[in-house]
Amino acid sequence: MKKTITETKDIFSPSNFEGTLGDLSQKVEELIKQYGKDARLNYDKYFAYRYDNECTPSFEVLVNRQETDEEYQNRLQEENDYKKKIEEKERAEFERLSQKYGDKK
């Protein structure tokens, strides 16, 4: 089953949303036109740019989408590879313990 992926499409300074309510309404309408009415605006007071030592409060525009066929296939392959790796590790541990303790009946 395909997953829903949340992508950050844009990041704004809180100062971008200062002004009159009319100005704010216009800015929101522009965001709706650009990202759709289902996009979310998330305020993150702990946002920090990569390699930045200080938090910079910001608004993030988040959009949900279904993963693509390619992303879906890659995820399934990664999950299968991980399961095989765990199974091999468990099998090796089982063999080690079998040799150590063997059948002592």
N, C-alpha and C. Protein backbone atom coordinates (compact mmCIF):
# COMPACT_ATOMS: atom_id res chain seq x y z
N MET A 1 0.84 -1.18 0.00
CA MET A 1 0.00 0.00 0.00
C MET A 1 0.89 1.24 0.00
N LYS A 2 0.56 2.18 -0.85
CA LYS A 2 1.36 3.40 -0.96
C LYS A 2 1.14 4.28 0.27
N LYS A 3 2.20 4.96 0.66
CA LYS A 3 2.15 5.85 1.81
C LYS A 3 1.90 7.28 1.37
N THR A 4 1.41 8.07 2.30
CA THR A 4 1.29 9.50 2.09
C THR A 4 2.56 10.16 2.58
N ILE A 5 3.14 10.99 1.75
CA ILE A 5 4.38 11.68 2.07
C ILE A 5 4.07 13.16 2.27
N THR A 6 4.60 13.72 3.35
CA THR A 6 4.45 15.15 3.61
C THR A 6 5.74 15.83 3.22
N GLU A 7 5.65 16.76 2.28
CA GLU A 7 6.82 17.50 1.81
C GLU A 7 6.75 18.95 2.27
N THR A 8 7.89 19.49 2.65
CA THR A 8 7.98 20.92 2.93
C THR A 8 8.26 21.61 1.60
N LYS A 9 7.33 22.44 1.17
CA LYS A 9 7.45 23.10 -0.13
C LYS A 9 8.09 24.48 -0.03
N ASP A 10 7.92 25.16 1.11
CA ASP A 10 8.46 26.50 1.24
C ASP A 10 8.61 26.84 2.71
N ILE A 11 9.47 27.79 3.00
CA ILE A 11 9.70 28.24 4.38
C ILE A 11 9.67 29.76 4.36
N PHE A 12 8.92 30.34 5.31
CA PHE A 12 8.77 31.79 5.38
C PHE A 12 9.12 32.29 6.77
N SER A 13 9.62 33.49 6.80
CA SER A 13 9.83 34.19 8.07
C SER A 13 8.47 34.65 8.57
N PRO A 14 8.27 34.65 9.88
CA PRO A 14 7.00 35.18 10.41
C PRO A 14 6.72 36.62 9.98
N SER A 15 7.78 37.36 9.69
CA SER A 15 7.57 38.75 9.27
C SER A 15 6.85 38.84 7.92
N ASN A 16 6.85 37.76 7.14
CA ASN A 16 6.11 37.75 5.87
C ASN A 16 4.61 37.85 6.10
N PHE A 17 4.17 37.55 7.32
CA PHE A 17 2.75 37.56 7.61
C PHE A 17 2.35 38.72 8.52
N GLU A 18 3.12 39.78 8.48
CA GLU A 18 2.78 40.98 9.22
C GLU A 18 2.06 41.94 8.27
N GLY A 19 1.17 42.71 8.80
CA GLY A 19 0.46 43.69 7.97
C GLY A 19 -1.02 43.64 8.28
N THR A 20 -1.78 44.23 7.40
CA THR A 20 -3.23 44.26 7.59
C THR A 20 -3.82 42.89 7.30
N LEU A 21 -5.02 42.67 7.78
CA LEU A 21 -5.70 41.41 7.51
C LEU A 21 -5.95 41.23 6.01
N GLY A 22 -6.20 42.35 5.32
CA GLY A 22 -6.37 42.30 3.87
C GLY A 22 -5.10 41.81 3.18
N ASP A 23 -3.94 42.34 3.64
CA ASP A 23 -2.66 41.89 3.10
C ASP A 23 -2.44 40.41 3.39
N LEU A 24 -2.77 40.01 4.61
CA LEU A 24 -2.61 38.62 5.01
C LEU A 24 -3.51 37.71 4.18
N SER A 25 -4.74 38.16 3.96
CA SER A 25 -5.67 37.40 3.15
C SER A 25 -5.13 37.21 1.73
N GLN A 26 -4.55 38.24 1.18
CA GLN A 26 -3.98 38.17 -0.16
C GLN A 26 -2.80 37.19 -0.20
N LYS A 27 -1.96 37.24 0.82
CA LYS A 27 -0.82 36.32 0.89
C LYS A 27 -1.31 34.87 0.97
N VAL A 28 -2.34 34.64 1.78
CA VAL A 28 -2.90 33.30 1.92
C VAL A 28 -3.49 32.83 0.59
N GLU A 29 -4.18 33.70 -0.12
CA GLU A 29 -4.75 33.34 -1.43
C GLU A 29 -3.64 32.97 -2.42
N GLU A 30 -2.52 33.69 -2.38
CA GLU A 30 -1.39 33.37 -3.25
C GLU A 30 -0.83 31.99 -2.91
N LEU A 31 -0.74 31.68 -1.62
CA LEU A 31 -0.25 30.36 -1.21
C LEU A 31 -1.20 29.26 -1.66
N ILE A 32 -2.51 29.52 -1.57
CA ILE A 32 -3.51 28.53 -2.01
C ILE A 32 -3.37 28.30 -3.51
N LYS A 33 -3.20 29.36 -4.29
CA LYS A 33 -3.03 29.21 -5.73
C LYS A 33 -1.77 28.40 -6.06
N GLN A 34 -0.72 28.64 -5.30
CA GLN A 34 0.56 27.98 -5.57
C GLN A 34 0.60 26.54 -5.08
N TYR A 35 0.04 26.25 -3.89
CA TYR A 35 0.20 24.93 -3.27
C TYR A 35 -1.10 24.15 -3.09
N GLY A 36 -2.24 24.78 -3.36
CA GLY A 36 -3.52 24.09 -3.22
C GLY A 36 -4.16 24.36 -1.86
N LYS A 37 -5.48 24.19 -1.81
CA LYS A 37 -6.22 24.51 -0.59
C LYS A 37 -5.98 23.52 0.53
N ASP A 38 -5.42 22.34 0.23
CA ASP A 38 -5.17 21.34 1.27
C ASP A 38 -3.77 21.46 1.88
N ALA A 39 -2.96 22.39 1.36
CA ALA A 39 -1.62 22.60 1.94
C ALA A 39 -1.79 23.13 3.36
N ARG A 40 -0.80 22.80 4.19
CA ARG A 40 -0.85 23.26 5.59
C ARG A 40 0.23 24.30 5.83
N LEU A 41 -0.05 25.19 6.74
CA LEU A 41 0.93 26.18 7.18
C LEU A 41 1.28 25.82 8.62
N ASN A 42 2.53 25.50 8.85
CA ASN A 42 2.98 25.03 10.15
C ASN A 42 3.98 26.03 10.73
N TYR A 43 3.73 26.49 11.95
CA TYR A 43 4.67 27.38 12.63
C TYR A 43 5.65 26.55 13.44
N ASP A 44 6.92 26.77 13.22
CA ASP A 44 7.96 26.02 13.92
C ASP A 44 8.89 27.01 14.62
N LYS A 45 8.70 27.16 15.94
CA LYS A 45 9.53 28.14 16.66
C LYS A 45 10.94 27.64 16.89
N TYR A 46 11.19 26.35 16.63
CA TYR A 46 12.53 25.79 16.81
C TYR A 46 13.23 25.49 15.49
N PHE A 47 12.71 26.02 14.39
CA PHE A 47 13.30 25.76 13.08
C PHE A 47 14.74 26.27 13.05
N ALA A 48 15.63 25.49 12.49
CA ALA A 48 17.02 25.91 12.32
C ALA A 48 17.50 25.46 10.96
N TYR A 49 18.12 26.36 10.23
CA TYR A 49 18.70 25.99 8.95
C TYR A 49 19.90 25.08 9.20
N ARG A 50 20.17 24.23 8.25
CA ARG A 50 21.30 23.30 8.37
C ARG A 50 22.58 24.08 8.66
N TYR A 51 23.35 23.61 9.60
CA TYR A 51 24.63 24.20 10.00
C TYR A 51 24.46 25.57 10.66
N ASP A 52 23.26 25.88 11.14
CA ASP A 52 23.02 27.13 11.83
C ASP A 52 22.93 26.82 13.32
N ASN A 53 23.52 27.64 14.14
CA ASN A 53 23.55 27.38 15.58
C ASN A 53 22.36 27.96 16.33
N GLU A 54 21.56 28.76 15.65
CA GLU A 54 20.44 29.41 16.32
C GLU A 54 19.13 29.03 15.66
N CYS A 55 18.08 28.98 16.47
CA CYS A 55 16.74 28.73 15.95
C CYS A 55 16.21 30.00 15.30
N THR A 56 15.51 29.81 14.20
CA THR A 56 14.90 30.91 13.48
C THR A 56 13.43 30.56 13.31
N PRO A 57 12.55 31.09 14.16
CA PRO A 57 11.13 30.76 14.01
C PRO A 57 10.68 30.98 12.57
N SER A 58 9.93 30.02 12.05
CA SER A 58 9.53 30.06 10.65
C SER A 58 8.18 29.40 10.44
N PHE A 59 7.56 29.76 9.32
CA PHE A 59 6.37 29.07 8.84
C PHE A 59 6.81 28.15 7.70
N GLU A 60 6.28 26.93 7.71
CA GLU A 60 6.58 25.97 6.65
C GLU A 60 5.28 25.66 5.92
N VAL A 61 5.34 25.60 4.60
CA VAL A 61 4.21 25.16 3.80
C VAL A 61 4.40 23.67 3.55
N LEU A 62 3.45 22.86 4.05
CA LEU A 62 3.52 21.40 3.93
C LEU A 62 2.43 20.90 3.00
N VAL A 63 2.81 19.98 2.11
CA VAL A 63 1.87 19.41 1.15
C VAL A 63 1.95 17.90 1.25
N ASN A 64 0.79 17.24 1.34
CA ASN A 64 0.73 15.78 1.34
C ASN A 64 0.57 15.27 -0.09
N ARG A 65 1.25 14.15 -0.38
CA ARG A 65 1.11 13.51 -1.68
C ARG A 65 1.32 12.02 -1.51
N GLN A 66 0.80 11.24 -2.45
CA GLN A 66 1.04 9.80 -2.46
C GLN A 66 2.44 9.55 -3.00
N GLU A 67 3.11 8.53 -2.46
CA GLU A 67 4.42 8.21 -2.98
C GLU A 67 4.29 7.71 -4.42
N THR A 68 5.30 8.00 -5.22
CA THR A 68 5.28 7.59 -6.62
C THR A 68 5.49 6.09 -6.73
N ASP A 69 5.23 5.53 -7.91
CA ASP A 69 5.46 4.10 -8.13
C ASP A 69 6.92 3.75 -7.86
N GLU A 70 7.84 4.61 -8.31
CA GLU A 70 9.27 4.36 -8.10
C GLU A 70 9.62 4.39 -6.60
N GLU A 71 9.10 5.37 -5.87
CA GLU A 71 9.35 5.44 -4.43
C GLU A 71 8.77 4.22 -3.73
N TYR A 72 7.59 3.80 -4.17
CA TYR A 72 6.93 2.63 -3.59
C TYR A 72 7.78 1.37 -3.81
N GLN A 73 8.25 1.17 -5.03
CA GLN A 73 9.08 0.00 -5.34
C GLN A 73 10.39 0.04 -4.56
N ASN A 74 11.01 1.21 -4.47
CA ASN A 74 12.26 1.35 -3.70
C ASN A 74 12.04 1.04 -2.23
N ARG A 75 10.92 1.53 -1.68
CA ARG A 75 10.62 1.27 -0.26
C ARG A 75 10.40 -0.21 -0.02
N LEU A 76 9.66 -0.87 -0.90
CA LEU A 76 9.44 -2.32 -0.76
C LEU A 76 10.76 -3.08 -0.82
N GLN A 77 11.64 -2.69 -1.75
CA GLN A 77 12.94 -3.35 -1.87
C GLN A 77 13.78 -3.14 -0.61
N GLU A 78 13.78 -1.93 -0.08
CA GLU A 78 14.52 -1.65 1.15
C GLU A 78 13.97 -2.45 2.32
N GLU A 79 12.64 -2.56 2.42
CA GLU A 79 12.03 -3.33 3.49
C GLU A 79 12.39 -4.81 3.37
N ASN A 80 12.37 -5.35 2.15
CA ASN A 80 12.73 -6.75 1.93
C ASN A 80 14.20 -6.99 2.25
N ASP A 81 15.06 -6.07 1.82
CA ASP A 81 16.50 -6.20 2.11
C ASP A 81 16.74 -6.19 3.62
N TYR A 82 16.01 -5.31 4.33
CA TYR A 82 16.16 -5.21 5.78
C TYR A 82 15.71 -6.51 6.44
N LYS A 83 14.58 -7.06 6.00
CA LYS A 83 14.08 -8.32 6.57
C LYS A 83 15.07 -9.45 6.35
N LYS A 84 15.66 -9.50 5.15
CA LYS A 84 16.65 -10.54 4.85
C LYS A 84 17.88 -10.38 5.74
N LYS A 85 18.31 -9.15 5.94
CA LYS A 85 19.48 -8.88 6.77
C LYS A 85 19.22 -9.34 8.21
N ILE A 86 18.04 -9.03 8.74
CA ILE A 86 17.68 -9.43 10.10
C ILE A 86 17.62 -10.95 10.19
N GLU A 87 17.01 -11.59 9.19
CA GLU A 87 16.89 -13.04 9.18
C GLU A 87 18.28 -13.70 9.15
N GLU A 88 19.18 -13.18 8.34
CA GLU A 88 20.55 -13.71 8.28
C GLU A 88 21.25 -13.54 9.63
N LYS A 89 21.05 -12.40 10.25
CA LYS A 89 21.66 -12.14 11.56
C LYS A 89 21.11 -13.11 12.60
N GLU A 90 19.78 -13.32 12.59
CA GLU A 90 19.17 -14.25 13.54
C GLU A 90 19.61 -15.68 13.28
N ARG A 91 19.73 -16.04 12.00
CA ARG A 91 20.18 -17.40 11.65
C ARG A 91 21.61 -17.63 12.13
N ALA A 92 22.47 -16.63 11.95
CA ALA A 92 23.86 -16.73 12.41
C ALA A 92 23.90 -16.86 13.93
N GLU A 93 23.06 -16.10 14.62
CA GLU A 93 23.00 -16.18 16.08
C GLU A 93 22.50 -17.56 16.52
N PHE A 94 21.49 -18.08 15.83
CA PHE A 94 20.97 -19.41 16.13
C PHE A 94 22.07 -20.46 15.95
N GLU A 95 22.80 -20.37 14.85
CA GLU A 95 23.90 -21.32 14.60
C GLU A 95 24.97 -21.22 15.68
N ARG A 96 25.30 -20.01 16.06
CA ARG A 96 26.32 -19.81 17.10
C ARG A 96 25.87 -20.43 18.42
N LEU A 97 24.61 -20.17 18.79
CA LEU A 97 24.10 -20.72 20.05
C LEU A 97 23.95 -22.25 19.97
N SER A 98 23.57 -22.75 18.80
CA SER A 98 23.46 -24.21 18.63
C SER A 98 24.81 -24.88 18.81
N GLN A 99 25.85 -24.27 18.27
CA GLN A 99 27.19 -24.83 18.43
C GLN A 99 27.67 -24.73 19.86
N LYS A 100 27.33 -23.63 20.50
CA LYS A 100 27.78 -23.42 21.88
C LYS A 100 27.09 -24.38 22.85
N TYR A 101 25.77 -24.51 22.71
CA TYR A 101 25.01 -25.31 23.67
C TYR A 101 24.60 -26.67 23.14
N GLY A 102 24.49 -26.78 21.82
CA GLY A 102 24.15 -28.06 21.19
C GLY A 102 22.95 -28.75 21.81
N ASP A 103 22.80 -30.02 21.50
CA ASP A 103 21.70 -30.83 22.03
C ASP A 103 22.23 -31.56 23.25
N LYS A 104 21.92 -31.05 24.45
CA LYS A 104 22.48 -31.61 25.70
C LYS A 104 21.49 -32.51 26.41
N LYS A 105 20.67 -33.23 25.70
CA LYS A 105 19.69 -34.13 26.32
C LYS A 105 20.32 -35.44 26.66
